C-alpha atoms as a PDB file:
ATOM      1  CA  UNK A   1      47.638 127.013  63.605  1.00  0.00           C
ATOM      2  CA  UNK A   2      44.591 127.010  66.024  1.00  0.00           C
ATOM      3  CA  UNK A   3      44.636 127.845  69.428  1.00  0.00           C
ATOM      4  CA  UNK A   4      45.282 125.447  71.252  1.00  0.00           C
ATOM      5  CA  UNK A   5      48.171 123.910  69.431  1.00  0.00           C
ATOM      6  CA  UNK A   6      49.418 127.995  69.567  1.00  0.00           C
ATOM      7  CA  UNK A   7      48.403 127.460  73.524  1.00  0.00           C
ATOM      8  CA  UNK A   8      50.994 124.082  73.585  1.00  0.00           C
ATOM      9  CA  UNK A   9      53.862 125.705  72.165  1.00  0.00           C
ATOM     10  CA  UNK A  10      53.687 128.239  73.601  1.00  0.00           C
ATOM     11  CA  UNK A  11      53.984 126.608  76.719  1.00  0.00           C
ATOM     12  CA  UNK A  12      56.504 123.961  75.510  1.00  0.00           C
ATOM     13  CA  UNK A  13      58.420 127.469  74.669  1.00  0.00           C
ATOM     14  CA  UNK A  14      58.457 128.827  78.030  1.00  0.00           C
ATOM     15  CA  UNK A  15      59.202 126.074  79.401  1.00  0.00           C
ATOM     16  CA  UNK A  16      62.554 125.529  77.100  1.00  0.00           C
ATOM     17  CA  UNK A  17      63.683 129.498  78.349  1.00  0.00           C
ATOM     18  CA  UNK A  18      63.036 128.646  81.858  1.00  0.00           C
ATOM     19  CA  UNK A  19      64.763 125.068  82.106  1.00  0.00           C
ATOM     20  CA  UNK A  20      68.099 126.551  80.133  1.00  0.00           C
ATOM     21  CA  UNK A  21      68.098 129.512  81.828  1.00  0.00           C
ATOM     22  CA  UNK A  22      68.332 127.147  85.293  1.00  0.00           C
ATOM     23  CA  UNK A  23      70.900 125.076  84.156  1.00  0.00           C
ATOM     24  CA  UNK A  24      73.339 128.018  82.874  1.00  0.00           C
ATOM     25  CA  UNK A  25      73.353 129.329  86.512  1.00  0.00           C
ATOM     26  CA  UNK A  26      76.929 128.106  88.644  1.00  0.00           C
ATOM     27  CA  UNK A  27      73.950 126.487  90.919  1.00  0.00           C
ATOM     28  CA  UNK A  28      72.029 124.526  88.012  1.00  0.00           C
ATOM     29  CA  UNK A  29      68.480 124.605  89.298  1.00  0.00           C
ATOM     30  CA  UNK A  30      64.871 123.278  87.227  1.00  0.00           C
ATOM     31  CA  UNK A  31      61.707 124.844  88.282  1.00  0.00           C
ATOM     32  CA  UNK A  32      59.813 122.587  90.111  1.00  0.00           C
ATOM     33  CA  UNK A  33      56.141 123.092  88.397  1.00  0.00           C
ATOM     34  CA  UNK A  34      57.860 120.872  85.801  1.00  0.00           C
ATOM     35  CA  UNK A  35      57.699 117.627  88.593  1.00  0.00           C
ATOM     36  CA  UNK A  36      53.882 117.968  87.646  1.00  0.00           C
ATOM     37  CA  UNK A  37      52.960 116.222  84.242  1.00  0.00           C
ATOM     38  CA  UNK A  38      50.617 113.437  84.640  1.00  0.00           C
ATOM     39  CA  UNK A  39      53.142 110.803  85.882  1.00  0.00           C
ATOM     40  CA  UNK A  40      54.198 113.783  88.570  1.00  0.00           C
ATOM     41  CA  UNK A  41      50.831 114.174  89.964  1.00  0.00           C
ATOM     42  CA  UNK A  42      50.311 110.535  90.570  1.00  0.00           C
ATOM     43  CA  UNK A  43      53.391 110.529  92.019  1.00  0.00           C
ATOM     44  CA  UNK A  44      52.452 113.145  94.680  1.00  0.00           C
ATOM     45  CA  UNK A  45      49.166 111.681  95.174  1.00  0.00           C
ATOM     46  CA  UNK A  46      51.288 108.833  96.246  1.00  0.00           C
ATOM     47  CA  UNK A  47      53.318 110.708  98.440  1.00  0.00           C
ATOM     48  CA  UNK A  48      50.517 112.738 100.183  1.00  0.00           C
ATOM     49  CA  UNK A  49      49.517 109.144 101.309  1.00  0.00           C
ATOM     50  CA  UNK A  50      53.408 107.721 102.781  1.00  0.00           C
ATOM     51  CA  UNK A  51      53.146 107.877 106.775  1.00  0.00           C
ATOM     52  CA  UNK A  52      56.565 110.373 106.521  1.00  0.00           C
ATOM     53  CA  UNK A  53      54.714 112.977 104.562  1.00  0.00           C
ATOM     54  CA  UNK A  54      53.000 115.193 107.545  1.00  0.00           C
ATOM     55  CA  UNK A  55      51.755 118.140 105.439  1.00  0.00           C
ATOM     56  CA  UNK A  56      48.812 116.253 103.794  1.00  0.00           C
ATOM     57  CA  UNK A  57      46.973 114.185 106.508  1.00  0.00           C
ATOM     58  CA  UNK A  58      47.645 117.390 109.341  1.00  0.00           C
ATOM     59  CA  UNK A  59      46.320 119.544 106.876  1.00  0.00           C
ATOM     60  CA  UNK A  60      43.132 117.723 106.339  1.00  0.00           C
ATOM     61  CA  UNK A  61      42.415 116.993 109.758  1.00  0.00           C
ATOM     62  CA  UNK A  62      42.823 120.946 110.747  1.00  0.00           C
ATOM     63  CA  UNK A  63      40.312 120.971 107.773  1.00  0.00           C
ATOM     64  CA  UNK A  64      37.904 118.625 108.952  1.00  0.00           C
ATOM     65  CA  UNK A  65      37.479 119.559 112.598  1.00  0.00           C
ATOM     66  CA  UNK A  66      37.129 123.536 111.545  1.00  0.00           C
ATOM     67  CA  UNK A  67      35.649 123.158 108.104  1.00  0.00           C
ATOM     68  CA  UNK A  68      32.463 124.454 109.965  1.00  0.00           C
ATOM     69  CA  UNK A  69      34.024 127.588 110.783  1.00  0.00           C
ATOM     70  CA  UNK A  70      36.071 127.638 107.863  1.00  0.00           C
ATOM     71  CA  UNK A  71      33.131 127.395 105.606  1.00  0.00           C
ATOM     72  CA  UNK A  72      31.607 130.700 107.504  1.00  0.00           C
ATOM     73  CA  UNK A  73      34.420 133.066 106.045  1.00  0.00           C
ATOM     74  CA  UNK A  74      32.951 132.467 102.310  1.00  0.00           C
ATOM     75  CA  UNK A  75      29.891 134.337 100.804  1.00  0.00           C
ATOM     76  CA  UNK A  76      27.042 132.000  99.878  1.00  0.00           C
ATOM     77  CA  UNK A  77      27.480 133.805  96.374  1.00  0.00           C
ATOM     78  CA  UNK A  78      31.337 133.630  96.335  1.00  0.00           C
ATOM     79  CA  UNK A  79      33.406 131.649  93.193  1.00  0.00           C
ATOM     80  CA  UNK A  80      35.907 129.233  94.392  1.00  0.00           C
ATOM     81  CA  UNK A  81      39.184 129.322  92.917  1.00  0.00           C
ATOM     82  CA  UNK A  82      41.570 126.582  93.567  1.00  0.00           C
ATOM     83  CA  UNK A  83      45.516 127.062  92.685  1.00  0.00           C
ATOM     84  CA  UNK A  84      47.118 123.728  91.512  1.00  0.00           C
ATOM     85  CA  UNK A  85      44.110 121.821  92.285  1.00  0.00           C
ATOM     86  CA  UNK A  86      45.279 118.275  91.279  1.00  0.00           C
ATOM     87  CA  UNK A  87      42.779 115.522  92.524  1.00  0.00           C
ATOM     88  CA  UNK A  88      40.643 118.203  94.712  1.00  0.00           C
ATOM     89  CA  UNK A  89      40.481 115.874  97.645  1.00  0.00           C
ATOM     90  CA  UNK A  90      40.316 118.786  99.788  1.00  0.00           C
ATOM     91  CA  UNK A  91      38.659 120.740  97.680  1.00  0.00           C
ATOM     92  CA  UNK A  92      35.858 118.203  98.394  1.00  0.00           C
ATOM     93  CA  UNK A  93      35.864 119.238 102.050  1.00  0.00           C
ATOM     94  CA  UNK A  94      35.075 122.428 101.475  1.00  0.00           C
ATOM     95  CA  UNK A  95      32.299 121.725  98.597  1.00  0.00           C
ATOM     96  CA  UNK A  96      30.234 119.649 100.532  1.00  0.00           C
ATOM     97  CA  UNK A  97      29.920 122.034 103.474  1.00  0.00           C
ATOM     98  CA  UNK A  98      29.279 125.458 100.608  1.00  0.00           C
ATOM     99  CA  UNK A  99      25.844 124.616  99.180  1.00  0.00           C
ATOM    100  CA  UNK A 100      25.408 128.136  97.535  1.00  0.00           C
ATOM    101  CA  UNK A 101      28.295 129.208  95.470  1.00  0.00           C
ATOM    102  CA  UNK A 102      28.728 130.413  92.384  1.00  0.00           C
ATOM    103  CA  UNK A 103      31.375 128.181  90.681  1.00  0.00           C
ATOM    104  CA  UNK A 104      34.093 126.508  91.266  1.00  0.00           C
ATOM    105  CA  UNK A 105      37.431 126.906  88.911  1.00  0.00           C
ATOM    106  CA  UNK A 106      39.932 124.826  89.012  1.00  0.00           C
ATOM    107  CA  UNK A 107      43.166 125.734  87.995  1.00  0.00           C
ATOM    108  CA  UNK A 108      45.711 122.659  87.089  1.00  0.00           C
ATOM    109  CA  UNK A 109      48.787 122.836  84.503  1.00  0.00           C
ATOM    110  CA  UNK A 110      48.361 119.275  83.478  1.00  0.00           C
ATOM    111  CA  UNK A 111      45.596 119.392  81.201  1.00  0.00           C
ATOM    112  CA  UNK A 112      44.731 115.317  80.826  1.00  0.00           C
ATOM    113  CA  UNK A 113      44.721 115.150  84.907  1.00  0.00           C
ATOM    114  CA  UNK A 114      42.636 118.192  85.269  1.00  0.00           C
ATOM    115  CA  UNK A 115      40.234 116.959  82.871  1.00  0.00           C
ATOM    116  CA  UNK A 116      40.014 113.605  84.312  1.00  0.00           C
ATOM    117  CA  UNK A 117      39.361 115.155  87.777  1.00  0.00           C
ATOM    118  CA  UNK A 118      36.548 117.803  86.419  1.00  0.00           C
ATOM    119  CA  UNK A 119      34.734 114.440  85.048  1.00  0.00           C
ATOM    120  CA  UNK A 120      34.503 112.669  88.495  1.00  0.00           C
ATOM    121  CA  UNK A 121      33.605 116.157  90.300  1.00  0.00           C
ATOM    122  CA  UNK A 122      31.023 116.919  87.489  1.00  0.00           C
ATOM    123  CA  UNK A 123      28.811 113.312  88.513  1.00  0.00           C
ATOM    124  CA  UNK A 124      29.612 113.850  91.717  1.00  0.00           C
ATOM    125  CA  UNK A 125      28.279 117.527  92.054  1.00  0.00           C
ATOM    126  CA  UNK A 126      25.802 117.845  89.210  1.00  0.00           C
ATOM    127  CA  UNK A 127      24.452 121.172  90.540  1.00  0.00           C
ATOM    128  CA  UNK A 128      27.687 122.766  90.573  1.00  0.00           C
ATOM    129  CA  UNK A 129      28.703 125.064  88.104  1.00  0.00           C
ATOM    130  CA  UNK A 130      32.573 123.967  87.091  1.00  0.00           C
ATOM    131  CA  UNK A 131      34.797 126.121  85.123  1.00  0.00           C
ATOM    132  CA  UNK A 132      38.003 124.511  84.756  1.00  0.00           C
ATOM    133  CA  UNK A 133      41.278 126.426  83.197  1.00  0.00           C
ATOM    134  CA  UNK A 134      44.206 124.834  82.412  1.00  0.00           C
ATOM    135  CA  UNK A 135      47.207 127.084  83.309  1.00  0.00           C
ATOM    136  CA  UNK A 136      50.840 127.704  84.889  1.00  0.00           C
ATOM    137  CA  UNK A 137      49.121 129.820  88.123  1.00  0.00           C
ATOM    138  CA  UNK A 138      52.098 131.767  88.940  1.00  0.00           C
ATOM    139  CA  UNK A 139      51.984 133.438  85.800  1.00  0.00           C
ATOM    140  CA  UNK A 140      49.006 136.020  85.078  1.00  0.00           C
ATOM    141  CA  UNK A 141      45.822 133.873  83.843  1.00  0.00           C
ATOM    142  CA  UNK A 142      42.281 134.708  83.171  1.00  0.00           C
ATOM    143  CA  UNK A 143      39.249 133.303  85.888  1.00  0.00           C
ATOM    144  CA  UNK A 144      36.664 132.730  82.566  1.00  0.00           C
ATOM    145  CA  UNK A 145      33.005 134.662  82.816  1.00  0.00           C
ATOM    146  CA  UNK A 146      30.800 132.955  85.380  1.00  0.00           C
ATOM    147  CA  UNK A 147      27.206 133.193  84.201  1.00  0.00           C
ATOM    148  CA  UNK A 148      25.708 132.720  88.267  1.00  0.00           C
ATOM    149  CA  UNK A 149      25.914 136.043  90.437  1.00  0.00           C
ATOM    150  CA  UNK A 150      28.666 136.664  92.272  1.00  0.00           C
ATOM    151  CA  UNK A 151      30.125 139.064  94.653  1.00  0.00           C
ATOM    152  CA  UNK A 152      33.239 137.710  95.683  1.00  0.00           C
ATOM    153  CA  UNK A 153      36.676 135.511  94.418  1.00  0.00           C
ATOM    154  CA  UNK A 154      37.934 133.486  97.235  1.00  0.00           C
ATOM    155  CA  UNK A 155      41.247 131.464  96.533  1.00  0.00           C
ATOM    156  CA  UNK A 156      41.817 128.257  97.844  1.00  0.00           C
ATOM    157  CA  UNK A 157      45.411 127.104  98.065  1.00  0.00           C
ATOM    158  CA  UNK A 158      46.101 124.234 100.032  1.00  0.00           C
ATOM    159  CA  UNK A 159      49.113 122.032 100.541  1.00  0.00           C
ATOM    160  CA  UNK A 160      51.760 124.515 101.498  1.00  0.00           C
ATOM    161  CA  UNK A 161      52.912 125.392  97.908  1.00  0.00           C
ATOM    162  CA  UNK A 162      53.447 129.004  99.195  1.00  0.00           C
ATOM    163  CA  UNK A 163      56.630 127.461 100.472  1.00  0.00           C
ATOM    164  CA  UNK A 164      57.798 126.341  97.117  1.00  0.00           C
ATOM    165  CA  UNK A 165      58.839 130.068  96.333  1.00  0.00           C
ATOM    166  CA  UNK A 166      61.611 132.096  97.634  1.00  0.00           C
ATOM    167  CA  UNK A 167      60.254 135.020 100.223  1.00  0.00           C
ATOM    168  CA  UNK A 168      60.466 137.460  97.427  1.00  0.00           C
ATOM    169  CA  UNK A 169      59.148 135.419  94.823  1.00  0.00           C
ATOM    170  CA  UNK A 170      56.325 134.225  97.359  1.00  0.00           C
ATOM    171  CA  UNK A 171      55.482 137.720  97.438  1.00  0.00           C
ATOM    172  CA  UNK A 172      55.175 138.423  93.685  1.00  0.00           C
ATOM    173  CA  UNK A 173      52.938 136.100  93.791  1.00  0.00           C
ATOM    174  CA  UNK A 174      50.754 137.323  96.170  1.00  0.00           C
ATOM    175  CA  UNK A 175      51.073 140.600  94.477  1.00  0.00           C
ATOM    176  CA  UNK A 176      50.088 139.059  91.181  1.00  0.00           C
ATOM    177  CA  UNK A 177      47.303 136.889  92.407  1.00  0.00           C
ATOM    178  CA  UNK A 178      45.628 139.447  95.044  1.00  0.00           C
ATOM    179  CA  UNK A 179      44.513 141.136  91.095  1.00  0.00           C
ATOM    180  CA  UNK A 180      41.984 138.290  91.090  1.00  0.00           C
ATOM    181  CA  UNK A 181      40.196 139.868  93.961  1.00  0.00           C
ATOM    182  CA  UNK A 182      38.218 142.469  94.657  1.00  0.00           C
ATOM    183  CA  UNK A 183      38.655 144.112  98.350  1.00  0.00           C
ATOM    184  CA  UNK A 184      36.729 142.198 100.866  1.00  0.00           C
ATOM    185  CA  UNK A 185      37.597 139.106  98.777  1.00  0.00           C
ATOM    186  CA  UNK A 186      39.821 136.066 100.527  1.00  0.00           C
ATOM    187  CA  UNK A 187      42.186 133.383 100.368  1.00  0.00           C
ATOM    188  CA  UNK A 188      42.577 129.961 102.160  1.00  0.00           C
ATOM    189  CA  UNK A 189      45.948 128.758 102.445  1.00  0.00           C
ATOM    190  CA  UNK A 190      47.794 126.385 103.837  1.00  0.00           C
ATOM    191  CA  UNK A 191      51.323 127.066 105.196  1.00  0.00           C
ATOM    192  CA  UNK A 192      53.376 124.633 106.996  1.00  0.00           C
ATOM    193  CA  UNK A 193      55.236 126.009 110.315  1.00  0.00           C
ATOM    194  CA  UNK A 194      58.794 125.600 111.644  1.00  0.00           C
ATOM    195  CA  UNK A 195      59.334 122.288 113.790  1.00  0.00           C
ATOM    196  CA  UNK A 196      61.789 119.818 114.558  1.00  0.00           C
ATOM    197  CA  UNK A 197      64.244 119.278 111.826  1.00  0.00           C
ATOM    198  CA  UNK A 198      64.114 115.843 111.805  1.00  0.00           C
ATOM    199  CA  UNK A 199      60.200 115.904 111.085  1.00  0.00           C
ATOM    200  CA  UNK A 200      61.026 118.005 108.025  1.00  0.00           C
ATOM    201  CA  UNK A 201      63.584 115.731 106.665  1.00  0.00           C
ATOM    202  CA  UNK A 202      61.793 112.582 106.989  1.00  0.00           C
ATOM    203  CA  UNK A 203      58.804 113.735 105.379  1.00  0.00           C
ATOM    204  CA  UNK A 204      60.652 114.119 102.084  1.00  0.00           C
ATOM    205  CA  UNK A 205      63.392 111.053 102.539  1.00  0.00           C
ATOM    206  CA  UNK A 206      60.384 108.479 102.664  1.00  0.00           C
ATOM    207  CA  UNK A 207      61.426 105.002 102.775  1.00  0.00           C
ATOM    208  CA  UNK A 208      59.467 103.622  99.892  1.00  0.00           C
ATOM    209  CA  UNK A 209      61.692 106.195  97.298  1.00  0.00           C
ATOM    210  CA  UNK A 210      58.519 107.776  96.159  1.00  0.00           C
ATOM    211  CA  UNK A 211      59.646 111.302  96.319  1.00  0.00           C
ATOM    212  CA  UNK A 212      62.968 110.278  94.715  1.00  0.00           C
ATOM    213  CA  UNK A 213      60.811 108.811  91.841  1.00  0.00           C
ATOM    214  CA  UNK A 214      59.040 112.463  91.672  1.00  0.00           C
ATOM    215  CA  UNK A 215      62.139 114.496  92.053  1.00  0.00           C
ATOM    216  CA  UNK A 216      63.610 112.577  89.111  1.00  0.00           C
ATOM    217  CA  UNK A 217      60.519 112.665  86.963  1.00  0.00           C
ATOM    218  CA  UNK A 218      61.365 116.162  86.653  1.00  0.00           C
ATOM    219  CA  UNK A 219      64.133 115.233  84.404  1.00  0.00           C
ATOM    220  CA  UNK A 220      61.646 112.416  82.392  1.00  0.00           C
ATOM    221  CA  UNK A 221      59.327 115.031  81.700  1.00  0.00           C
ATOM    222  CA  UNK A 222      62.011 117.505  80.456  1.00  0.00           C
ATOM    223  CA  UNK A 223      63.337 114.292  77.771  1.00  0.00           C
ATOM    224  CA  UNK A 224      60.077 114.128  76.974  1.00  0.00           C
ATOM    225  CA  UNK A 225      59.293 117.815  76.325  1.00  0.00           C
ATOM    226  CA  UNK A 226      62.433 119.081  75.241  1.00  0.00           C
ATOM    227  CA  UNK A 227      64.304 115.951  73.490  1.00  0.00           C
ATOM    228  CA  UNK A 228      66.721 115.919  76.566  1.00  0.00           C
ATOM    229  CA  UNK A 229      68.859 112.480  77.249  1.00  0.00           C
ATOM    230  CA  UNK A 230      69.046 112.840  81.020  1.00  0.00           C
ATOM    231  CA  UNK A 231      69.747 109.308  82.388  1.00  0.00           C
ATOM    232  CA  UNK A 232      67.538 109.381  85.030  1.00  0.00           C
ATOM    233  CA  UNK A 233      69.864 106.462  86.559  1.00  0.00           C
ATOM    234  CA  UNK A 234      72.834 108.493  86.842  1.00  0.00           C
ATOM    235  CA  UNK A 235      71.205 110.722  89.706  1.00  0.00           C
ATOM    236  CA  UNK A 236      70.042 110.318  93.226  1.00  0.00           C
ATOM    237  CA  UNK A 237      67.645 112.227  94.977  1.00  0.00           C
ATOM    238  CA  UNK A 238      68.653 114.664  98.275  1.00  0.00           C
ATOM    239  CA  UNK A 239      66.358 116.040 100.277  1.00  0.00           C
ATOM    240  CA  UNK A 240      67.509 118.344 103.891  1.00  0.00           C
ATOM    241  CA  UNK A 241      66.497 121.229 105.503  1.00  0.00           C
ATOM    242  CA  UNK A 242      68.506 124.414 105.110  1.00  0.00           C
ATOM    243  CA  UNK A 243      68.594 126.182 108.674  1.00  0.00           C
ATOM    244  CA  UNK A 244      69.771 129.195 107.413  1.00  0.00           C
ATOM    245  CA  UNK A 245      67.253 129.886 104.656  1.00  0.00           C
ATOM    246  CA  UNK A 246      64.326 128.345 106.542  1.00  0.00           C
ATOM    247  CA  UNK A 247      63.642 125.629 103.898  1.00  0.00           C
ATOM    248  CA  UNK A 248      63.640 122.013 102.614  1.00  0.00           C
ATOM    249  CA  UNK A 249      65.873 121.939  99.769  1.00  0.00           C
ATOM    250  CA  UNK A 250      65.766 118.630  97.124  1.00  0.00           C
ATOM    251  CA  UNK A 251      68.331 118.078  94.737  1.00  0.00           C
ATOM    252  CA  UNK A 252      69.379 115.719  92.141  1.00  0.00           C
ATOM    253  CA  UNK A 253      72.880 114.602  93.233  1.00  0.00           C
ATOM    254  CA  UNK A 254      74.951 113.497  89.820  1.00  0.00           C
ATOM    255  CA  UNK A 255      76.631 109.908  90.213  1.00  0.00           C
ATOM    256  CA  UNK A 256      79.261 110.906  87.617  1.00  0.00           C
ATOM    257  CA  UNK A 257      80.456 113.315  85.150  1.00  0.00           C
ATOM    258  CA  UNK A 258      78.475 113.658  82.387  1.00  0.00           C
ATOM    259  CA  UNK A 259      77.184 115.520  79.344  1.00  0.00           C
ATOM    260  CA  UNK A 260      73.550 116.183  78.692  1.00  0.00           C
ATOM    261  CA  UNK A 261      71.880 117.511  75.911  1.00  0.00           C
ATOM    262  CA  UNK A 262      68.713 119.746  76.262  1.00  0.00           C
ATOM    263  CA  UNK A 263      66.946 121.345  73.105  1.00  0.00           C
ATOM    264  CA  UNK A 264      69.626 123.037  71.947  1.00  0.00           C
ATOM    265  CA  UNK A 265      72.234 123.051  74.045  1.00  0.00           C
ATOM    266  CA  UNK A 266      74.804 120.831  75.739  1.00  0.00           C
ATOM    267  CA  UNK A 267      76.123 120.754  79.775  1.00  0.00           C
ATOM    268  CA  UNK A 268      78.581 119.595  81.337  1.00  0.00           C
ATOM    269  CA  UNK A 269      77.704 118.215  84.633  1.00  0.00           C
ATOM    270  CA  UNK A 270      80.506 117.226  87.201  1.00  0.00           C
ATOM    271  CA  UNK A 271      80.488 114.193  89.330  1.00  0.00           C
ATOM    272  CA  UNK A 272      78.856 115.344  92.868  1.00  0.00           C
ATOM    273  CA  UNK A 273      77.501 118.350  91.385  1.00  0.00           C
ATOM    274  CA  UNK A 274      73.563 118.750  92.091  1.00  0.00           C
ATOM    275  CA  UNK A 275      70.567 120.510  89.955  1.00  0.00           C
ATOM    276  CA  UNK A 276      68.594 122.308  92.748  1.00  0.00           C
ATOM    277  CA  UNK A 277      64.887 120.952  91.978  1.00  0.00           C
ATOM    278  CA  UNK A 278      62.761 122.862  95.138  1.00  0.00           C
ATOM    279  CA  UNK A 279      63.108 124.563  97.494  1.00  0.00           C
ATOM    280  CA  UNK A 280      59.914 123.912 100.629  1.00  0.00           C
ATOM    281  CA  UNK A 281      60.044 127.133 103.037  1.00  0.00           C
ATOM    282  CA  UNK A 282      58.763 126.920 106.656  1.00  0.00           C
ATOM    283  CA  UNK A 283      57.637 129.741 108.513  1.00  0.00           C
ATOM    284  CA  UNK A 284      56.277 131.114 111.923  1.00  0.00           C
ATOM    285  CA  UNK A 285      53.429 132.534 111.758  1.00  0.00           C
ATOM    286  CA  UNK A 286      54.666 135.799 112.545  1.00  0.00           C
ATOM    287  CA  UNK A 287      57.059 135.320 109.395  1.00  0.00           C
ATOM    288  CA  UNK A 288      54.141 134.548 107.646  1.00  0.00           C
ATOM    289  CA  UNK A 289      51.894 137.446 108.967  1.00  0.00           C
ATOM    290  CA  UNK A 290      54.527 140.090 108.122  1.00  0.00           C
ATOM    291  CA  UNK A 291      54.738 138.188 104.540  1.00  0.00           C
ATOM    292  CA  UNK A 292      51.252 138.912 102.925  1.00  0.00           C
ATOM    293  CA  UNK A 293      50.887 142.269 104.840  1.00  0.00           C
ATOM    294  CA  UNK A 294      50.976 144.413 101.821  1.00  0.00           C
ATOM    295  CA  UNK A 295      48.324 142.665 100.226  1.00  0.00           C
ATOM    296  CA  UNK A 296      46.079 140.731 102.988  1.00  0.00           C
ATOM    297  CA  UNK A 297      45.458 140.372 106.482  1.00  0.00           C
ATOM    298  CA  UNK A 298      45.230 137.787 108.122  1.00  0.00           C
ATOM    299  CA  UNK A 299      41.451 136.873 109.914  1.00  0.00           C
ATOM    300  CA  UNK A 300      41.892 133.315 111.251  1.00  0.00           C
ATOM    301  CA  UNK A 301      44.603 131.196 111.812  1.00  0.00           C
ATOM    302  CA  UNK A 302      43.881 127.144 112.496  1.00  0.00           C
ATOM    303  CA  UNK A 303      46.918 125.260 113.596  1.00  0.00           C
ATOM    304  CA  UNK A 304      46.800 121.204 114.781  1.00  0.00           C
ATOM    305  CA  UNK A 305      47.625 120.397 118.326  1.00  0.00           C
ATOM    306  CA  UNK A 306      51.857 120.375 117.716  1.00  0.00           C
ATOM    307  CA  UNK A 307      51.393 123.046 116.048  1.00  0.00           C
ATOM    308  CA  UNK A 308      52.801 121.656 112.453  1.00  0.00           C
ATOM    309  CA  UNK A 309      51.244 123.455 110.472  1.00  0.00           C
ATOM    310  CA  UNK A 310      48.556 125.832 109.646  1.00  0.00           C
ATOM    311  CA  UNK A 311      45.318 126.645 107.568  1.00  0.00           C
ATOM    312  CA  UNK A 312      44.778 130.480 107.240  1.00  0.00           C
ATOM    313  CA  UNK A 313      42.001 132.710 105.930  1.00  0.00           C
ATOM    314  CA  UNK A 314      43.507 135.985 104.484  1.00  0.00           C
ATOM    315  CA  UNK A 315      40.989 138.829 103.204  1.00  0.00           C
ATOM    316  CA  UNK A 316      42.183 140.957 100.497  1.00  0.00           C
ATOM    317  CA  UNK A 317      43.034 144.549 101.234  1.00  0.00           C
END
């Protein structure tokens, strides 16, 4: 077995273990990272353009307004590492202001989607060294060797994806990811802020049903990779703000009693029972500073005029 086939098989085995573990729980759950096969990545791109979905356009507006100042925090010979790079649209705002960085390292779980995006970036930025990594960035991964001289790594983590982790998981992730950085290195991160409940809930329940299709895509992905037999028509999308936990929750609710086969196991799912597919935690600025404190210091915070969203520069301690 060659290294690529081995990597694919290891990835599928990890998916099998994580999915089965989640479905065995009293509150069934699935890891949200499995939204993102090629189709899921494209659906999410559609979500980011929806009128109801404020995070993407608000974050982009903050970056456009403050980009010269944001760029000042990144040394000219830094390596920019983007976690969950997706379409790299926000990255272009940075790259257009960072003319002397040593390299750009996009990290993305969907290999085909990553290859397409990198191909376009290489055409648009012919003088930029781009070293893509196909990996699950929530687990330790290796940044490839960078031939160009460089001093620091700077992580780029936009889109409020940190909110998908439970706070204890977020801290584990921050501890792991901080090991990439030397003291003095940093992270540019998008953080969604607490605000009116209606604004948040509408953002995850769009009228076109694209978020619902994105939510159900996790079942489609599992069907294909793990030889499962989820019937997508038997589930409905549900998203709401959990006040106590401070998070948006996304669920898939079973419309009828049904049995589902996944890998080597069969699961009974009752009518009205839900599968919990995603959390999106919202923070106050004080709560987020406390969350990152063991590994990072908050150097600068940029927000929109309504304080709906923030872009922050964190420095490794």
